[in-house]
Amino acid sequence: MRKLETGRGSQAEALNAGWARAIGQENLRHAKPVELKDGILIVHVDSSSWIHKLSMEKAKILVKMKNEAGEDVIKDIKLRIGEL
């Protein structure tokens, strides 16, 4: 997470680890968290089909991420096509 790494490496590492557990290791090559801003976790994905797949699982993933990071840390997840 480029924006998290500056000064908050441990938070970025924790979120990356939580993300891996939330979506599964086999899916990490298709989706990567890149920014946490005002409680919104921005995730880059490599295709529109992965946006669709993760959108269908978003509620479940959000619950897992809230359990990992805390209810007040992550309030929502936004999926965007972008560089991984």
C-alpha atoms as a PDB file:
ATOM      1  CA  MET A   1       0.000   0.000   0.000  1.00  0.00           C
ATOM      2  CA  ARG A   2       1.960   2.892  -1.287  1.00  0.00           C
ATOM      3  CA  LYS A   3       0.200   5.626   0.690  1.00  0.00           C
ATOM      4  CA  LEU A   4       0.153   3.626   3.897  1.00  0.00           C
ATOM      5  CA  GLU A   5       3.800   2.661   3.719  1.00  0.00           C
ATOM      6  CA  THR A   6       5.051   6.179   4.308  1.00  0.00           C
ATOM      7  CA  GLY A   7       5.260   6.375   8.070  1.00  0.00           C
ATOM      8  CA  ARG A   8       2.773   3.605   8.763  1.00  0.00           C
ATOM      9  CA  GLY A   9       4.448   0.445   7.517  1.00  0.00           C
ATOM     10  CA  SER A  10       3.103  -1.753  10.279  1.00  0.00           C
ATOM     11  CA  GLN A  11      -0.475  -0.688   9.487  1.00  0.00           C
ATOM     12  CA  ALA A  12       0.101  -1.435   5.800  1.00  0.00           C
ATOM     13  CA  GLU A  13       1.537  -4.849   6.642  1.00  0.00           C
ATOM     14  CA  ALA A  14      -1.395  -5.643   8.924  1.00  0.00           C
ATOM     15  CA  LEU A  15      -3.940  -4.596   6.294  1.00  0.00           C
ATOM     16  CA  ASN A  16      -2.161  -6.573   3.579  1.00  0.00           C
ATOM     17  CA  ALA A  17      -2.103  -9.655   5.805  1.00  0.00           C
ATOM     18  CA  GLY A  18      -5.767  -9.179   6.678  1.00  0.00           C
ATOM     19  CA  TRP A  19      -6.634  -8.736   3.013  1.00  0.00           C
ATOM     20  CA  ALA A  20      -4.834 -11.984   2.157  1.00  0.00           C
ATOM     21  CA  ARG A  21      -6.858 -13.845   4.787  1.00  0.00           C
ATOM     22  CA  ALA A  22     -10.106 -12.170   3.689  1.00  0.00           C
ATOM     23  CA  ILE A  23      -9.898 -13.036  -0.019  1.00  0.00           C
ATOM     24  CA  GLY A  24      -7.576 -16.040   0.059  1.00  0.00           C
ATOM     25  CA  GLN A  25      -3.958 -16.354  -1.041  1.00  0.00           C
ATOM     26  CA  GLU A  26      -4.882 -17.646  -4.513  1.00  0.00           C
ATOM     27  CA  ASN A  27      -6.743 -14.397  -5.291  1.00  0.00           C
ATOM     28  CA  LEU A  28      -3.985 -11.981  -4.268  1.00  0.00           C
ATOM     29  CA  ARG A  29      -2.558 -11.738  -7.758  1.00  0.00           C
ATOM     30  CA  HIS A  30      -5.845 -10.182  -8.927  1.00  0.00           C
ATOM     31  CA  ALA A  31      -6.566  -7.660  -6.154  1.00  0.00           C
ATOM     32  CA  LYS A  32      -4.396  -5.516  -3.903  1.00  0.00           C
ATOM     33  CA  PRO A  33      -5.257  -2.877  -1.302  1.00  0.00           C
ATOM     34  CA  VAL A  34      -3.488   0.373  -2.185  1.00  0.00           C
ATOM     35  CA  GLU A  35      -4.889   3.062   0.107  1.00  0.00           C
ATOM     36  CA  LEU A  36      -6.910   3.579   3.260  1.00  0.00           C
ATOM     37  CA  LYS A  37      -8.526   6.995   3.360  1.00  0.00           C
ATOM     38  CA  ASP A  38     -11.210   8.121   5.809  1.00  0.00           C
ATOM     39  CA  GLY A  39     -12.137   4.526   6.574  1.00  0.00           C
ATOM     40  CA  ILE A  40     -12.436   3.493   2.921  1.00  0.00           C
ATOM     41  CA  LEU A  41     -10.099   0.764   1.740  1.00  0.00           C
ATOM     42  CA  ILE A  42      -9.233   1.338  -1.927  1.00  0.00           C
ATOM     43  CA  VAL A  43      -8.443  -1.916  -3.714  1.00  0.00           C
ATOM     44  CA  HIS A  44      -6.981  -2.186  -7.200  1.00  0.00           C
ATOM     45  CA  VAL A  45      -8.049  -5.172  -9.271  1.00  0.00           C
ATOM     46  CA  ASP A  46      -6.732  -6.350 -12.606  1.00  0.00           C
ATOM     47  CA  SER A  47     -10.000  -6.702 -14.555  1.00  0.00           C
ATOM     48  CA  SER A  48     -13.688  -5.919 -14.582  1.00  0.00           C
ATOM     49  CA  SER A  49     -14.460  -9.591 -14.018  1.00  0.00           C
ATOM     50  CA  TRP A  50     -12.572  -9.428 -10.712  1.00  0.00           C
ATOM     51  CA  ILE A  51     -14.448  -6.273  -9.738  1.00  0.00           C
ATOM     52  CA  HIS A  52     -17.657  -8.226 -10.323  1.00  0.00           C
ATOM     53  CA  LYS A  53     -16.441 -11.291  -8.405  1.00  0.00           C
ATOM     54  CA  LEU A  54     -15.264  -9.274  -5.401  1.00  0.00           C
ATOM     55  CA  SER A  55     -18.358  -7.058  -5.489  1.00  0.00           C
ATOM     56  CA  MET A  56     -20.489 -10.156  -5.047  1.00  0.00           C
ATOM     57  CA  GLU A  57     -18.389 -11.105  -2.001  1.00  0.00           C
ATOM     58  CA  LYS A  58     -17.918  -7.556  -0.693  1.00  0.00           C
ATOM     59  CA  ALA A  59     -20.144  -7.867   2.385  1.00  0.00           C
ATOM     60  CA  LYS A  60     -18.311 -10.987   3.551  1.00  0.00           C
ATOM     61  CA  ILE A  61     -14.895  -9.469   2.821  1.00  0.00           C
ATOM     62  CA  LEU A  62     -15.823  -6.243   4.634  1.00  0.00           C
ATOM     63  CA  VAL A  63     -16.819  -8.170   7.770  1.00  0.00           C
ATOM     64  CA  LYS A  64     -13.503 -10.045   7.700  1.00  0.00           C
ATOM     65  CA  MET A  65     -11.528  -6.837   7.200  1.00  0.00           C
ATOM     66  CA  LYS A  66     -13.379  -5.112  10.048  1.00  0.00           C
ATOM     67  CA  ASN A  67     -12.517  -8.070  12.275  1.00  0.00           C
ATOM     68  CA  GLU A  68      -8.876  -7.837  11.186  1.00  0.00           C
ATOM     69  CA  ALA A  69      -8.399  -4.076  11.434  1.00  0.00           C
ATOM     70  CA  GLY A  70     -11.202  -2.925  13.696  1.00  0.00           C
ATOM     71  CA  GLU A  71     -14.722  -1.628  13.142  1.00  0.00           C
ATOM     72  CA  ASP A  72     -13.602   2.003  13.230  1.00  0.00           C
ATOM     73  CA  VAL A  73     -10.641   1.532  10.852  1.00  0.00           C
ATOM     74  CA  ILE A  74     -12.402   0.150   7.768  1.00  0.00           C
ATOM     75  CA  LYS A  75     -15.927   1.282   6.992  1.00  0.00           C
ATOM     76  CA  ASP A  76     -16.160   0.402   3.301  1.00  0.00           C
ATOM     77  CA  ILE A  77     -14.237  -1.098   0.398  1.00  0.00           C
ATOM     78  CA  LYS A  78     -13.999   0.511  -3.044  1.00  0.00           C
ATOM     79  CA  LEU A  79     -12.848  -1.613  -5.970  1.00  0.00           C
ATOM     80  CA  ARG A  80     -11.113  -0.042  -8.957  1.00  0.00           C
ATOM     81  CA  ILE A  81      -9.218  -1.306 -11.956  1.00  0.00           C
ATOM     82  CA  GLY A  82      -5.630  -0.260 -11.427  1.00  0.00           C
ATOM     83  CA  GLU A  83      -1.999  -1.169 -11.162  1.00  0.00           C
ATOM     84  CA  LEU A  84      -1.218  -4.050  -8.807  1.00  0.00           C
END
